[in-house]
Amino acid sequence: GDGRVALHMTAPPGAQAHLVASAPKHFFVPPYVGPRGWIGVN
């Protein structure tokens, strides 16, 4: 029920924090796989 249309993708170390901080409109921390560094892409 999060309302998103997204890809959850594995990403290099550090990429998640950088992308979410720089472009929160497009990127987010996805559930479950987020703690492993994956990135969510709207």
PDB file of all heavy atoms in Angstrom:
ATOM      1  N   GLY A   1       0.781  -1.226   0.000  1.00  0.00           N
ATOM      2  CA  GLY A   1       0.000   0.000   0.000  1.00  0.00           C
ATOM      3  C   GLY A   1       0.813   1.277   0.000  1.00  0.00           C
ATOM      4  O   GLY A   1       0.284   2.336   0.360  1.00  0.00           O
ATOM      5  N   ASP A   2       2.078   1.223  -0.442  1.00  0.00           N
ATOM      6  CA  ASP A   2       2.913   2.431  -0.381  1.00  0.00           C
ATOM      7  C   ASP A   2       2.674   3.406  -1.537  1.00  0.00           C
ATOM      8  O   ASP A   2       3.217   4.518  -1.558  1.00  0.00           O
ATOM      9  CB  ASP A   2       4.398   2.071  -0.313  1.00  0.00           C
ATOM     10  CG  ASP A   2       4.943   1.376  -1.565  1.00  0.00           C
ATOM     11  OD1 ASP A   2       4.190   1.219  -2.550  1.00  0.00           O
ATOM     12  OD2 ASP A   2       6.128   0.979  -1.562  1.00  0.00           O
ATOM     13  N   GLY A   3       1.855   3.001  -2.525  1.00  0.00           N
ATOM     14  CA  GLY A   3       1.526   3.893  -3.631  1.00  0.00           C
ATOM     15  C   GLY A   3       2.635   4.066  -4.657  1.00  0.00           C
ATOM     16  O   GLY A   3       2.496   4.873  -5.576  1.00  0.00           O
ATOM     17  N   ARG A   4       3.710   3.322  -4.559  1.00  0.00           N
ATOM     18  CA  ARG A   4       4.849   3.492  -5.468  1.00  0.00           C
ATOM     19  C   ARG A   4       4.776   2.521  -6.650  1.00  0.00           C
ATOM     20  O   ARG A   4       4.285   1.400  -6.522  1.00  0.00           O
ATOM     21  CB  ARG A   4       6.162   3.243  -4.733  1.00  0.00           C
ATOM     22  CG  ARG A   4       6.462   4.197  -3.581  1.00  0.00           C
ATOM     23  CD  ARG A   4       7.817   3.829  -2.981  1.00  0.00           C
ATOM     24  NE  ARG A   4       8.134   4.548  -1.769  1.00  0.00           N
ATOM     25  CZ  ARG A   4       8.732   5.741  -1.723  1.00  0.00           C
ATOM     26  NH1 ARG A   4       9.058   6.341  -2.839  1.00  0.00           N
ATOM     27  NH2 ARG A   4       8.989   6.323  -0.560  1.00  0.00           N
ATOM     28  N   VAL A   5       5.306   2.968  -7.779  1.00  0.00           N
ATOM     29  CA  VAL A   5       5.628   2.094  -8.913  1.00  0.00           C
ATOM     30  C   VAL A   5       7.137   2.140  -9.021  1.00  0.00           C
ATOM     31  O   VAL A   5       7.711   3.186  -9.339  1.00  0.00           O
ATOM     32  CB  VAL A   5       4.976   2.588 -10.212  1.00  0.00           C
ATOM     33  CG1 VAL A   5       5.291   1.628 -11.351  1.00  0.00           C
ATOM     34  CG2 VAL A   5       3.477   2.742 -10.040  1.00  0.00           C
ATOM     35  N   ALA A   6       7.801   1.024  -8.725  1.00  0.00           N
ATOM     36  CA  ALA A   6       9.244   1.128  -8.495  1.00  0.00           C
ATOM     37  C   ALA A   6       9.997  -0.133  -8.882  1.00  0.00           C
ATOM     38  O   ALA A   6       9.430  -1.224  -9.014  1.00  0.00           O
ATOM     39  CB  ALA A   6       9.498   1.429  -7.015  1.00  0.00           C
ATOM     40  N   LEU A   7      11.287   0.061  -9.065  1.00  0.00           N
ATOM     41  CA  LEU A   7      12.242  -1.038  -9.123  1.00  0.00           C
ATOM     42  C   LEU A   7      13.056  -1.009  -7.842  1.00  0.00           C
ATOM     43  O   LEU A   7      13.525   0.063  -7.416  1.00  0.00           O
ATOM     44  CB  LEU A   7      13.185  -0.902 -10.318  1.00  0.00           C
ATOM     45  CG  LEU A   7      12.698  -1.434 -11.665  1.00  0.00           C
ATOM     46  CD1 LEU A   7      13.675  -1.037 -12.769  1.00  0.00           C
ATOM     47  CD2 LEU A   7      12.523  -2.957 -11.641  1.00  0.00           C
ATOM     48  N   HIS A   8      13.200  -2.160  -7.208  1.00  0.00           N
ATOM     49  CA  HIS A   8      14.134  -2.326  -6.095  1.00  0.00           C
ATOM     50  C   HIS A   8      15.342  -3.047  -6.672  1.00  0.00           C
ATOM     51  O   HIS A   8      15.212  -4.150  -7.213  1.00  0.00           O
ATOM     52  CB  HIS A   8      13.523  -3.175  -4.975  1.00  0.00           C
ATOM     53  CG  HIS A   8      12.300  -2.582  -4.357  1.00  0.00           C
ATOM     54  ND1 HIS A   8      11.550  -3.253  -3.406  1.00  0.00           N
ATOM     55  CD2 HIS A   8      11.685  -1.391  -4.540  1.00  0.00           C
ATOM     56  CE1 HIS A   8      10.536  -2.494  -3.036  1.00  0.00           C
ATOM     57  NE2 HIS A   8      10.593  -1.362  -3.710  1.00  0.00           N
ATOM     58  N   MET A   9      16.533  -2.434  -6.568  1.00  0.00           N
ATOM     59  CA  MET A   9      17.716  -2.997  -7.220  1.00  0.00           C
ATOM     60  C   MET A   9      18.907  -3.032  -6.273  1.00  0.00           C
ATOM     61  O   MET A   9      19.086  -2.129  -5.448  1.00  0.00           O
ATOM     62  CB  MET A   9      18.079  -2.174  -8.457  1.00  0.00           C
ATOM     63  CG  MET A   9      17.032  -2.216  -9.546  1.00  0.00           C
ATOM     64  SD  MET A   9      17.543  -1.357 -11.063  1.00  0.00           S
ATOM     65  CE  MET A   9      17.290   0.344 -10.567  1.00  0.00           C
ATOM     66  N   THR A  10      19.705  -4.059  -6.421  1.00  0.00           N
ATOM     67  CA  THR A  10      20.952  -4.098  -5.664  1.00  0.00           C
ATOM     68  C   THR A  10      21.848  -2.964  -6.153  1.00  0.00           C
ATOM     69  O   THR A  10      21.759  -2.537  -7.311  1.00  0.00           O
ATOM     70  CB  THR A  10      21.653  -5.460  -5.815  1.00  0.00           C
ATOM     71  OG1 THR A  10      22.827  -5.489  -4.999  1.00  0.00           O
ATOM     72  CG2 THR A  10      22.026  -5.748  -7.254  1.00  0.00           C
ATOM     73  N   ALA A  11      22.694  -2.447  -5.261  1.00  0.00           N
ATOM     74  CA  ALA A  11      23.507  -1.273  -5.589  1.00  0.00           C
ATOM     75  C   ALA A  11      24.858  -1.361  -4.900  1.00  0.00           C
ATOM     76  O   ALA A  11      25.010  -2.071  -3.897  1.00  0.00           O
ATOM     77  CB  ALA A  11      22.784   0.002  -5.155  1.00  0.00           C
ATOM     78  N   PRO A  12      25.861  -0.634  -5.405  1.00  0.00           N
ATOM     79  CA  PRO A  12      27.190  -0.652  -4.785  1.00  0.00           C
ATOM     80  C   PRO A  12      27.151  -0.060  -3.374  1.00  0.00           C
ATOM     81  O   PRO A  12      26.268   0.741  -3.052  1.00  0.00           O
ATOM     82  CB  PRO A  12      28.026   0.227  -5.724  1.00  0.00           C
ATOM     83  CG  PRO A  12      27.265   0.290  -6.994  1.00  0.00           C
ATOM     84  CD  PRO A  12      25.825   0.179  -6.623  1.00  0.00           C
ATOM     85  N   PRO A  13      28.109  -0.415  -2.526  1.00  0.00           N
ATOM     86  CA  PRO A  13      28.169   0.148  -1.169  1.00  0.00           C
ATOM     87  C   PRO A  13      28.203   1.673  -1.205  1.00  0.00           C
ATOM     88  O   PRO A  13      28.938   2.275  -1.993  1.00  0.00           O
ATOM     89  CB  PRO A  13      29.480  -0.428  -0.618  1.00  0.00           C
ATOM     90  CG  PRO A  13      29.697  -1.696  -1.385  1.00  0.00           C
ATOM     91  CD  PRO A  13      29.181  -1.422  -2.758  1.00  0.00           C
ATOM     92  N   GLY A  14      27.389   2.290  -0.385  1.00  0.00           N
ATOM     93  CA  GLY A  14      27.342   3.738  -0.301  1.00  0.00           C
ATOM     94  C   GLY A  14      26.408   4.410  -1.283  1.00  0.00           C
ATOM     95  O   GLY A  14      26.054   5.584  -1.110  1.00  0.00           O
ATOM     96  N   ALA A  15      25.987   3.688  -2.324  1.00  0.00           N
ATOM     97  CA  ALA A  15      25.142   4.305  -3.346  1.00  0.00           C
ATOM     98  C   ALA A  15      23.770   4.664  -2.792  1.00  0.00           C
ATOM     99  O   ALA A  15      23.210   5.713  -3.132  1.00  0.00           O
ATOM    100  CB  ALA A  15      24.997   3.368  -4.545  1.00  0.00           C
ATOM    101  N   GLN A  16      23.221   3.811  -1.951  1.00  0.00           N
ATOM    102  CA  GLN A  16      21.882   4.060  -1.421  1.00  0.00           C
ATOM    103  C   GLN A  16      21.806   5.402  -0.695  1.00  0.00           C
ATOM    104  O   GLN A  16      20.938   6.243  -0.974  1.00  0.00           O
ATOM    105  CB  GLN A  16      21.474   2.936  -0.467  1.00  0.00           C
ATOM    106  CG  GLN A  16      20.095   3.082   0.127  1.00  0.00           C
ATOM    107  CD  GLN A  16      19.892   2.144   1.312  1.00  0.00           C
ATOM    108  OE1 GLN A  16      20.203   2.489   2.450  1.00  0.00           O
ATOM    109  NE2 GLN A  16      19.383   0.951   1.041  1.00  0.00           N
ATOM    110  N   ALA A  17      22.718   5.619   0.252  1.00  0.00           N
ATOM    111  CA  ALA A  17      22.693   6.856   1.035  1.00  0.00           C
ATOM    112  C   ALA A  17      22.881   8.072   0.140  1.00  0.00           C
ATOM    113  O   ALA A  17      22.204   9.097   0.307  1.00  0.00           O
ATOM    114  CB  ALA A  17      23.776   6.809   2.107  1.00  0.00           C
ATOM    115  N   HIS A  18      23.798   7.976  -0.825  1.00  0.00           N
ATOM    116  CA  HIS A  18      24.060   9.113  -1.715  1.00  0.00           C
ATOM    117  C   HIS A  18      22.842   9.442  -2.568  1.00  0.00           C
ATOM    118  O   HIS A  18      22.444  10.618  -2.681  1.00  0.00           O
ATOM    119  CB  HIS A  18      25.246   8.805  -2.616  1.00  0.00           C
ATOM    120  CG  HIS A  18      25.445   9.799  -3.713  1.00  0.00           C
ATOM    121  ND1 HIS A  18      25.914  11.081  -3.487  1.00  0.00           N
ATOM    122  CD2 HIS A  18      25.193   9.720  -5.063  1.00  0.00           C
ATOM    123  CE1 HIS A  18      25.961  11.736  -4.636  1.00  0.00           C
ATOM    124  NE2 HIS A  18      25.523  10.939  -5.594  1.00  0.00           N
ATOM    125  N   LEU A  19      22.218   8.415  -3.175  1.00  0.00           N
ATOM    126  CA  LEU A  19      21.103   8.654  -4.080  1.00  0.00           C
ATOM    127  C   LEU A  19      19.876   9.182  -3.336  1.00  0.00           C
ATOM    128  O   LEU A  19      19.214  10.107  -3.801  1.00  0.00           O
ATOM    129  CB  LEU A  19      20.757   7.368  -4.830  1.00  0.00           C
ATOM    130  CG  LEU A  19      21.798   6.887  -5.846  1.00  0.00           C
ATOM    131  CD1 LEU A  19      21.443   5.500  -6.358  1.00  0.00           C
ATOM    132  CD2 LEU A  19      21.906   7.875  -7.011  1.00  0.00           C
ATOM    133  N   VAL A  20      19.585   8.596  -2.179  1.00  0.00           N
ATOM    134  CA  VAL A  20      18.408   9.029  -1.421  1.00  0.00           C
ATOM    135  C   VAL A  20      18.577  10.471  -0.941  1.00  0.00           C
ATOM    136  O   VAL A  20      17.631  11.264  -0.972  1.00  0.00           O
ATOM    137  CB  VAL A  20      18.144   8.080  -0.238  1.00  0.00           C
ATOM    138  CG1 VAL A  20      17.057   8.636   0.684  1.00  0.00           C
ATOM    139  CG2 VAL A  20      17.752   6.699  -0.740  1.00  0.00           C
ATOM    140  N   ALA A  21      19.787  10.806  -0.507  1.00  0.00           N
ATOM    141  CA  ALA A  21      20.037  12.170  -0.032  1.00  0.00           C
ATOM    142  C   ALA A  21      20.020  13.187  -1.159  1.00  0.00           C
ATOM    143  O   ALA A  21      19.523  14.312  -0.997  1.00  0.00           O
ATOM    144  CB  ALA A  21      21.375  12.223   0.693  1.00  0.00           C
ATOM    145  N   SER A  22      20.517  12.819  -2.330  1.00  0.00           N
ATOM    146  CA  SER A  22      20.646  13.778  -3.424  1.00  0.00           C
ATOM    147  C   SER A  22      19.372  13.927  -4.249  1.00  0.00           C
ATOM    148  O   SER A  22      19.129  14.996  -4.832  1.00  0.00           O
ATOM    149  CB  SER A  22      21.799  13.374  -4.352  1.00  0.00           C
ATOM    150  OG  SER A  22      21.567  12.099  -4.932  1.00  0.00           O
ATOM    151  N   ALA A  23      18.555  12.885  -4.314  1.00  0.00           N
ATOM    152  CA  ALA A  23      17.337  12.957  -5.145  1.00  0.00           C
ATOM    153  C   ALA A  23      16.215  12.134  -4.509  1.00  0.00           C
ATOM    154  O   ALA A  23      15.828  11.082  -5.027  1.00  0.00           O
ATOM    155  CB  ALA A  23      17.641  12.463  -6.555  1.00  0.00           C
ATOM    156  N   PRO A  24      15.670  12.576  -3.371  1.00  0.00           N
ATOM    157  CA  PRO A  24      14.633  11.808  -2.676  1.00  0.00           C
ATOM    158  C   PRO A  24      13.344  11.652  -3.472  1.00  0.00           C
ATOM    159  O   PRO A  24      12.540  10.767  -3.165  1.00  0.00           O
ATOM    160  CB  PRO A  24      14.405  12.609  -1.392  1.00  0.00           C
ATOM    161  CG  PRO A  24      14.889  13.989  -1.698  1.00  0.00           C
ATOM    162  CD  PRO A  24      16.027  13.817  -2.654  1.00  0.00           C
ATOM    163  N   LYS A  25      13.141  12.496  -4.485  1.00  0.00           N
ATOM    164  CA  LYS A  25      11.962  12.335  -5.339  1.00  0.00           C
ATOM    165  C   LYS A  25      12.041  11.038  -6.128  1.00  0.00           C
ATOM    166  O   LYS A  25      11.017  10.386  -6.388  1.00  0.00           O
ATOM    167  CB  LYS A  25      11.858  13.525  -6.301  1.00  0.00           C
ATOM    168  CG  LYS A  25      10.721  13.415  -7.309  1.00  0.00           C
ATOM    169  CD  LYS A  25      10.701  14.615  -8.245  1.00  0.00           C
ATOM    170  CE  LYS A  25       9.624  14.471  -9.311  1.00  0.00           C
ATOM    171  NZ  LYS A  25       9.613  15.624 -10.247  1.00  0.00           N
ATOM    172  N   HIS A  26      13.250  10.660  -6.505  1.00  0.00           N
ATOM    173  CA  HIS A  26      13.432   9.498  -7.372  1.00  0.00           C
ATOM    174  C   HIS A  26      13.879   8.245  -6.630  1.00  0.00           C
ATOM    175  O   HIS A  26      13.631   7.128  -7.118  1.00  0.00           O
ATOM    176  CB  HIS A  26      14.460   9.817  -8.458  1.00  0.00           C
ATOM    177  CG  HIS A  26      14.069  10.945  -9.352  1.00  0.00           C
ATOM    178  ND1 HIS A  26      12.841  11.031  -9.967  1.00  0.00           N
ATOM    179  CD2 HIS A  26      14.753  12.069  -9.731  1.00  0.00           C
ATOM    180  CE1 HIS A  26      12.772  12.134 -10.694  1.00  0.00           C
ATOM    181  NE2 HIS A  26      13.919  12.790 -10.564  1.00  0.00           N
ATOM    182  N   PHE A  27      14.525   8.400  -5.472  1.00  0.00           N
ATOM    183  CA  PHE A  27      15.133   7.253  -4.799  1.00  0.00           C
ATOM    184  C   PHE A  27      14.650   7.140  -3.354  1.00  0.00           C
ATOM    185  O   PHE A  27      14.367   8.149  -2.694  1.00  0.00           O
ATOM    186  CB  PHE A  27      16.653   7.370  -4.833  1.00  0.00           C
ATOM    187  CG  PHE A  27      17.228   7.478  -6.218  1.00  0.00           C
ATOM    188  CD1 PHE A  27      17.681   8.699  -6.711  1.00  0.00           C
ATOM    189  CD2 PHE A  27      17.282   6.369  -7.046  1.00  0.00           C
ATOM    190  CE1 PHE A  27      18.193   8.812  -7.992  1.00  0.00           C
ATOM    191  CE2 PHE A  27      17.789   6.471  -8.338  1.00  0.00           C
ATOM    192  CZ  PHE A  27      18.247   7.686  -8.810  1.00  0.00           C
ATOM    193  N   PHE A  28      14.598   5.905  -2.865  1.00  0.00           N
ATOM    194  CA  PHE A  28      14.184   5.654  -1.491  1.00  0.00           C
ATOM    195  C   PHE A  28      14.799   4.348  -1.012  1.00  0.00           C
ATOM    196  O   PHE A  28      15.341   3.555  -1.803  1.00  0.00           O
ATOM    197  CB  PHE A  28      12.653   5.601  -1.394  1.00  0.00           C
ATOM    198  CG  PHE A  28      12.015   4.483  -2.197  1.00  0.00           C
ATOM    199  CD1 PHE A  28      11.685   3.273  -1.596  1.00  0.00           C
ATOM    200  CD2 PHE A  28      11.739   4.645  -3.550  1.00  0.00           C
ATOM    201  CE1 PHE A  28      11.106   2.242  -2.335  1.00  0.00           C
ATOM    202  CE2 PHE A  28      11.161   3.626  -4.310  1.00  0.00           C
ATOM    203  CZ  PHE A  28      10.838   2.423  -3.686  1.00  0.00           C
ATOM    204  N   VAL A  29      14.723   4.138   0.300  1.00  0.00           N
ATOM    205  CA  VAL A  29      15.213   2.887   0.888  1.00  0.00           C
ATOM    206  C   VAL A  29      14.069   1.881   0.860  1.00  0.00           C
ATOM    207  O   VAL A  29      13.044   2.083   1.520  1.00  0.00           O
ATOM    208  CB  VAL A  29      15.698   3.104   2.333  1.00  0.00           C
ATOM    209  CG1 VAL A  29      16.162   1.779   2.942  1.00  0.00           C
ATOM    210  CG2 VAL A  29      16.819   4.132   2.367  1.00  0.00           C
ATOM    211  N   PRO A  30      14.186   0.794   0.119  1.00  0.00           N
ATOM    212  CA  PRO A  30      13.082  -0.154   0.007  1.00  0.00           C
ATOM    213  C   PRO A  30      12.973  -1.050   1.236  1.00  0.00           C
ATOM    214  O   PRO A  30      13.962  -1.255   1.946  1.00  0.00           O
ATOM    215  CB  PRO A  30      13.461  -0.970  -1.231  1.00  0.00           C
ATOM    216  CG  PRO A  30      14.956  -0.925  -1.256  1.00  0.00           C
ATOM    217  CD  PRO A  30      15.343   0.433  -0.721  1.00  0.00           C
ATOM    218  N   PRO A  31      11.782  -1.577   1.500  1.00  0.00           N
ATOM    219  CA  PRO A  31      11.627  -2.493   2.632  1.00  0.00           C
ATOM    220  C   PRO A  31      12.361  -3.808   2.388  1.00  0.00           C
ATOM    221  O   PRO A  31      12.632  -4.172   1.240  1.00  0.00           O
ATOM    222  CB  PRO A  31      10.113  -2.716   2.706  1.00  0.00           C
ATOM    223  CG  PRO A  31       9.631  -2.442   1.312  1.00  0.00           C
ATOM    224  CD  PRO A  31      10.528  -1.375   0.762  1.00  0.00           C
ATOM    225  N   TYR A  32      12.690  -4.475   3.482  1.00  0.00           N
ATOM    226  CA  TYR A  32      13.318  -5.801   3.469  1.00  0.00           C
ATOM    227  C   TYR A  32      14.760  -5.781   2.945  1.00  0.00           C
ATOM    228  O   TYR A  32      15.693  -6.176   3.636  1.00  0.00           O
ATOM    229  CB  TYR A  32      12.482  -6.819   2.666  1.00  0.00           C
ATOM    230  CG  TYR A  32      11.054  -6.918   3.123  1.00  0.00           C
ATOM    231  CD1 TYR A  32       9.997  -6.586   2.283  1.00  0.00           C
ATOM    232  CD2 TYR A  32      10.739  -7.309   4.428  1.00  0.00           C
ATOM    233  CE1 TYR A  32       8.676  -6.653   2.708  1.00  0.00           C
ATOM    234  CE2 TYR A  32       9.421  -7.380   4.869  1.00  0.00           C
ATOM    235  CZ  TYR A  32       8.403  -7.055   4.004  1.00  0.00           C
ATOM    236  OH  TYR A  32       7.112  -7.115   4.440  1.00  0.00           O
ATOM    237  N   VAL A  33      14.956  -5.358   1.694  1.00  0.00           N
ATOM    238  CA  VAL A  33      16.299  -5.394   1.101  1.00  0.00           C
ATOM    239  C   VAL A  33      17.074  -4.102   1.350  1.00  0.00           C
ATOM    240  O   VAL A  33      18.272  -4.031   1.076  1.00  0.00           O
ATOM    241  CB  VAL A  33      16.226  -5.691  -0.414  1.00  0.00           C
ATOM    242  CG1 VAL A  33      15.741  -7.101  -0.656  1.00  0.00           C
ATOM    243  CG2 VAL A  33      15.324  -4.687  -1.121  1.00  0.00           C
ATOM    244  N   GLY A  34      16.402  -3.069   1.858  1.00  0.00           N
ATOM    245  CA  GLY A  34      17.077  -1.802   2.125  1.00  0.00           C
ATOM    246  C   GLY A  34      18.270  -1.919   3.047  1.00  0.00           C
ATOM    247  O   GLY A  34      19.331  -1.320   2.774  1.00  0.00           O
ATOM    248  N   PRO A  35      18.165  -2.685   4.166  1.00  0.00           N
ATOM    249  CA  PRO A  35      19.314  -2.820   5.059  1.00  0.00           C
ATOM    250  C   PRO A  35      20.541  -3.460   4.407  1.00  0.00           C
ATOM    251  O   PRO A  35      21.647  -3.346   4.927  1.00  0.00           O
ATOM    252  CB  PRO A  35      18.772  -3.711   6.186  1.00  0.00           C
ATOM    253  CG  PRO A  35      17.297  -3.442   6.195  1.00  0.00           C
ATOM    254  CD  PRO A  35      16.942  -3.260   4.752  1.00  0.00           C
ATOM    255  N   ARG A  36      20.335  -4.115   3.260  1.00  0.00           N
ATOM    256  CA  ARG A  36      21.455  -4.716   2.534  1.00  0.00           C
ATOM    257  C   ARG A  36      22.025  -3.766   1.487  1.00  0.00           C
ATOM    258  O   ARG A  36      22.867  -4.158   0.670  1.00  0.00           O
ATOM    259  CB  ARG A  36      20.993  -6.006   1.861  1.00  0.00           C
ATOM    260  CG  ARG A  36      20.674  -7.127   2.855  1.00  0.00           C
ATOM    261  CD  ARG A  36      19.744  -8.171   2.294  1.00  0.00           C
ATOM    262  NE  ARG A  36      20.091  -8.602   0.947  1.00  0.00           N
ATOM    263  CZ  ARG A  36      19.267  -9.310   0.167  1.00  0.00           C
ATOM    264  NH1 ARG A  36      18.052  -9.614   0.596  1.00  0.00           N
ATOM    265  NH2 ARG A  36      19.648  -9.674  -1.036  1.00  0.00           N
ATOM    266  N   GLY A  37      21.582  -2.499   1.503  1.00  0.00           N
ATOM    267  CA  GLY A  37      22.140  -1.500   0.590  1.00  0.00           C
ATOM    268  C   GLY A  37      21.405  -1.352  -0.723  1.00  0.00           C
ATOM    269  O   GLY A  37      21.838  -0.577  -1.590  1.00  0.00           O
ATOM    270  N   TRP A  38      20.290  -2.066  -0.895  1.00  0.00           N
ATOM    271  CA  TRP A  38      19.535  -1.941  -2.139  1.00  0.00           C
ATOM    272  C   TRP A  38      18.926  -0.552  -2.240  1.00  0.00           C
ATOM    273  O   TRP A  38      18.707   0.121  -1.252  1.00  0.00           O
ATOM    274  CB  TRP A  38      18.435  -3.001  -2.205  1.00  0.00           C
ATOM    275  CG  TRP A  38      18.916  -4.384  -2.496  1.00  0.00           C
ATOM    276  CD1 TRP A  38      19.933  -5.049  -1.876  1.00  0.00           C
ATOM    277  CD2 TRP A  38      18.385  -5.290  -3.465  1.00  0.00           C
ATOM    278  NE1 TRP A  38      20.078  -6.311  -2.402  1.00  0.00           N
ATOM    279  CE2 TRP A  38      19.132  -6.484  -3.374  1.00  0.00           C
ATOM    280  CE3 TRP A  38      17.357  -5.203  -4.388  1.00  0.00           C
ATOM    281  CZ2 TRP A  38      18.873  -7.584  -4.192  1.00  0.00           C
ATOM    282  CZ3 TRP A  38      17.079  -6.304  -5.201  1.00  0.00           C
ATOM    283  CH2 TRP A  38      17.847  -7.473  -5.106  1.00  0.00           C
ATOM    284  N   ILE A  39      18.601  -0.165  -3.476  1.00  0.00           N
ATOM    285  CA  ILE A  39      18.007   1.142  -3.726  1.00  0.00           C
ATOM    286  C   ILE A  39      16.629   0.964  -4.350  1.00  0.00           C
ATOM    287  O   ILE A  39      16.417   0.072  -5.179  1.00  0.00           O
ATOM    288  CB  ILE A  39      18.916   1.995  -4.656  1.00  0.00           C
ATOM    289  CG1 ILE A  39      18.395   3.427  -4.727  1.00  0.00           C
ATOM    290  CG2 ILE A  39      19.037   1.377  -6.031  1.00  0.00           C
ATOM    291  CD1 ILE A  39      18.548   4.195  -3.450  1.00  0.00           C
ATOM    292  N   GLY A  40      15.676   1.796  -3.918  1.00  0.00           N
ATOM    293  CA  GLY A  40      14.370   1.844  -4.553  1.00  0.00           C
ATOM    294  C   GLY A  40      14.328   2.996  -5.534  1.00  0.00           C
ATOM    295  O   GLY A  40      14.786   4.106  -5.224  1.00  0.00           O
ATOM    296  N   VAL A  41      13.799   2.765  -6.735  1.00  0.00           N
ATOM    297  CA  VAL A  41      13.745   3.786  -7.783  1.00  0.00           C
ATOM    298  C   VAL A  41      12.290   3.996  -8.192  1.00  0.00           C
ATOM    299  O   VAL A  41      11.647   3.081  -8.716  1.00  0.00           O
ATOM    300  CB  VAL A  41      14.572   3.368  -9.021  1.00  0.00           C
ATOM    301  CG1 VAL A  41      14.578   4.484 -10.058  1.00  0.00           C
ATOM    302  CG2 VAL A  41      15.990   2.985  -8.624  1.00  0.00           C
ATOM    303  N   ASN A  42      11.765   5.193  -7.951  1.00  0.00           N
ATOM    304  CA  ASN A  42      10.416   5.534  -8.405  1.00  0.00           C
ATOM    305  C   ASN A  42      10.422   5.679  -9.924  1.00  0.00           C
ATOM    306  O   ASN A  42      11.184   6.486 -10.463  1.00  0.00           O
ATOM    307  CB  ASN A  42       9.950   6.844  -7.764  1.00  0.00           C
ATOM    308  CG  ASN A  42       9.663   6.704  -6.286  1.00  0.00           C
ATOM    309  OD1 ASN A  42       9.038   5.732  -5.863  1.00  0.00           O
ATOM    310  ND2 ASN A  42      10.109   7.669  -5.494  1.00  0.00           N
TER     311      ASN A  42
END
